[in-house]
C-alpha atoms as a PDB file:
ATOM      1  CA  MET A   1      -0.049  -0.099  -0.172  1.00  0.00           C
ATOM      2  CA  ALA A   2       1.100   3.578  -1.074  1.00  0.00           C
ATOM      3  CA  GLY A   3       1.620   5.968   2.016  1.00  0.00           C
ATOM      4  CA  PRO A   4       2.327   9.698   1.958  1.00  0.00           C
ATOM      5  CA  SER A   5       6.200   9.350   1.042  1.00  0.00           C
ATOM      6  CA  GLN A   6       6.015   6.237  -1.060  1.00  0.00           C
ATOM      7  CA  PRO A   7       4.597   6.303  -4.623  1.00  0.00           C
ATOM      8  CA  GLN A   8       1.382   4.104  -5.340  1.00  0.00           C
ATOM      9  CA  VAL A   9       2.326   1.059  -7.615  1.00  0.00           C
ATOM     10  CA  THR A  10      -0.388  -0.104  -9.611  1.00  0.00           C
ATOM     11  CA  ASP A  11       0.935  -2.059 -12.680  1.00  0.00           C
ATOM     12  CA  GLU A  12       2.786  -4.562 -10.091  1.00  0.00           C
ATOM     13  CA  VAL A  13       2.454  -7.972 -11.357  1.00  0.00           C
ATOM     14  CA  TRP A  14       1.644 -10.718  -9.058  1.00  0.00           C
ATOM     15  CA  ASP A  15       2.437 -14.269  -9.939  1.00  0.00           C
ATOM     16  CA  ASP A  16       0.745 -17.038  -8.517  1.00  0.00           C
ATOM     17  CA  ASP A  17       3.870 -17.933  -6.225  1.00  0.00           C
ATOM     18  CA  ARG A  18       3.283 -14.551  -4.745  1.00  0.00           C
ATOM     19  CA  VAL A  19      -0.343 -15.021  -4.008  1.00  0.00           C
ATOM     20  CA  LYS A  20      -0.006 -18.249  -2.536  1.00  0.00           C
ATOM     21  CA  SER A  21       3.038 -16.645  -0.009  1.00  0.00           C
ATOM     22  CA  PHE A  22      -0.356 -15.194   2.040  1.00  0.00           C
ATOM     23  CA  LEU A  23      -1.288 -18.780   2.892  1.00  0.00           C
ATOM     24  CA  ASP A  24       2.282 -18.979   5.020  1.00  0.00           C
ATOM     25  CA  LEU A  25       1.810 -15.768   6.907  1.00  0.00           C
ATOM     26  CA  GLU A  26       1.634 -16.509  10.518  1.00  0.00           C
ATOM     27  CA  PRO A  27      -0.901 -14.707  12.733  1.00  0.00           C
ATOM     28  CA  HIS A  28      -0.452 -12.502  15.549  1.00  0.00           C
ATOM     29  CA  GLY A  29      -3.324 -13.666  18.333  1.00  0.00           C
ATOM     30  CA  GLU A  30      -5.763 -14.326  15.862  1.00  0.00           C
ATOM     31  CA  ASN A  31      -6.925 -17.473  13.996  1.00  0.00           C
ATOM     32  CA  ALA A  32      -4.365 -18.255  11.101  1.00  0.00           C
ATOM     33  CA  ASP A  33      -7.110 -18.330   8.528  1.00  0.00           C
ATOM     34  CA  PHE A  34      -8.684 -15.223   9.490  1.00  0.00           C
ATOM     35  CA  HIS A  35      -5.101 -13.342   9.380  1.00  0.00           C
ATOM     36  CA  VAL A  36      -4.415 -14.388   6.263  1.00  0.00           C
ATOM     37  CA  LEU A  37      -7.938 -13.481   4.572  1.00  0.00           C
ATOM     38  CA  LEU A  38      -7.076 -10.072   6.270  1.00  0.00           C
ATOM     39  CA  LYS A  39      -3.815  -9.512   4.801  1.00  0.00           C
ATOM     40  CA  ALA A  40      -4.640 -10.772   1.611  1.00  0.00           C
ATOM     41  CA  TYR A  41      -7.709  -8.564   1.334  1.00  0.00           C
ATOM     42  CA  ARG A  42      -5.532  -5.662   2.539  1.00  0.00           C
ATOM     43  CA  GLY A  43      -2.653  -6.489   0.071  1.00  0.00           C
ATOM     44  CA  MET A  44      -4.104  -7.212  -3.001  1.00  0.00           C
ATOM     45  CA  ARG A  45      -5.966  -5.942  -5.749  1.00  0.00           C
ATOM     46  CA  VAL A  46      -9.820  -7.755  -6.625  1.00  0.00           C
ATOM     47  CA  GLU A  47      -8.391 -10.032  -9.303  1.00  0.00           C
ATOM     48  CA  ASP A  48      -5.176 -11.166  -7.270  1.00  0.00           C
ATOM     49  CA  PHE A  49      -7.721 -11.906  -4.359  1.00  0.00           C
ATOM     50  CA  ASP A  50      -9.815 -13.741  -6.550  1.00  0.00           C
ATOM     51  CA  ARG A  51      -6.739 -15.803  -7.600  1.00  0.00           C
ATOM     52  CA  PHE A  52      -5.652 -16.260  -3.811  1.00  0.00           C
ATOM     53  CA  LEU A  53      -9.442 -17.480  -3.002  1.00  0.00           C
ATOM     54  CA  VAL A  54      -8.643 -20.405  -5.205  1.00  0.00           C
ATOM     55  CA  PHE A  55      -5.480 -21.632  -3.296  1.00  0.00           C
ATOM     56  CA  PHE A  56      -6.912 -20.584  -0.031  1.00  0.00           C
ATOM     57  CA  THR A  57     -10.011 -22.711  -0.189  1.00  0.00           C
ATOM     58  CA  ASP A  58      -7.991 -25.870  -2.446  1.00  0.00           C
ATOM     59  CA  ALA A  59      -5.712 -25.913   0.944  1.00  0.00           C
ATOM     60  CA  GLY A  60      -8.861 -26.760   2.865  1.00  0.00           C
ATOM     61  CA  ARG A  61      -8.611 -23.465   4.850  1.00  0.00           C
ATOM     62  CA  ASN A  62     -11.636 -21.740   6.331  1.00  0.00           C
ATOM     63  CA  LEU A  63     -13.497 -19.017   4.475  1.00  0.00           C
ATOM     64  CA  ASP A  64     -15.507 -18.044   7.442  1.00  0.00           C
ATOM     65  CA  ALA A  65     -12.640 -17.985   9.886  1.00  0.00           C
ATOM     66  CA  LYS A  66     -13.511 -15.491  12.991  1.00  0.00           C
ATOM     67  CA  ASP A  67     -11.069 -12.923  14.660  1.00  0.00           C
ATOM     68  CA  PRO A  68     -10.942 -12.740  18.371  1.00  0.00           C
ATOM     69  CA  HIS A  69     -14.025 -10.520  18.368  1.00  0.00           C
ATOM     70  CA  GLY A  70     -16.137 -13.328  16.552  1.00  0.00           C
ATOM     71  CA  ARG A  71     -16.186 -11.456  13.081  1.00  0.00           C
ATOM     72  CA  THR A  72     -15.762 -12.955   9.732  1.00  0.00           C
ATOM     73  CA  LEU A  73     -13.478 -10.767   7.091  1.00  0.00           C
ATOM     74  CA  TRP A  74     -16.736 -10.459   5.239  1.00  0.00           C
ATOM     75  CA  SER A  75     -18.540  -8.926   8.240  1.00  0.00           C
ATOM     76  CA  ILE A  76     -15.698  -6.675   8.569  1.00  0.00           C
ATOM     77  CA  ILE A  77     -15.557  -5.355   5.036  1.00  0.00           C
ATOM     78  CA  GLU A  78     -18.899  -5.147   4.248  1.00  0.00           C
ATOM     79  CA  ASN A  79     -18.991  -1.199   4.850  1.00  0.00           C
ATOM     80  CA  HIS A  80     -15.798  -0.649   3.332  1.00  0.00           C
ATOM     81  CA  ARG A  81     -15.885   1.326   0.006  1.00  0.00           C
ATOM     82  CA  GLN A  82     -13.939  -1.344  -1.842  1.00  0.00           C
ATOM     83  CA  GLY A  83     -15.542  -4.191   0.146  1.00  0.00           C
ATOM     84  CA  ALA A  84     -18.446  -5.348  -2.148  1.00  0.00           C
ATOM     85  CA  ASP A  85     -15.927  -6.218  -5.142  1.00  0.00           C
ATOM     86  CA  PHE A  86     -14.296  -8.925  -2.383  1.00  0.00           C
ATOM     87  CA  ILE A  87     -17.782 -10.168  -0.765  1.00  0.00           C
ATOM     88  CA  VAL A  88     -18.759 -10.901  -4.589  1.00  0.00           C
ATOM     89  CA  LEU A  89     -15.885 -13.423  -4.854  1.00  0.00           C
ATOM     90  CA  ARG A  90     -16.930 -14.928  -1.405  1.00  0.00           C
ATOM     91  CA  LYS A  91     -20.021 -15.568  -2.956  1.00  0.00           C
ATOM     92  CA  LYS A  92     -18.281 -18.128  -5.460  1.00  0.00           C
ATOM     93  CA  TYR A  93     -17.951 -20.431  -2.748  1.00  0.00           C
ATOM     94  CA  ASN A  94     -20.942 -20.943  -0.897  1.00  0.00           C
END
């Protein structure tokens, strides 16, 4: 993500290995599946997140994992401006 002193990168290529690497992220006090979903949502464009969900579900991970407060990623992002596009992807896996 771009910050005030960092230029935004919009044409960066995310190959499958980079997308899959999010599956290996270690949680910090929360459910591992929730943690990687949240990190992927925060770090990926919609099209990359779509590919990530294929790898995530193929690995047998839980799309409805909850944070320590009992919230799923989907309930958290439902009010985010960009969240709707990500929630549409979730519906592919019902």
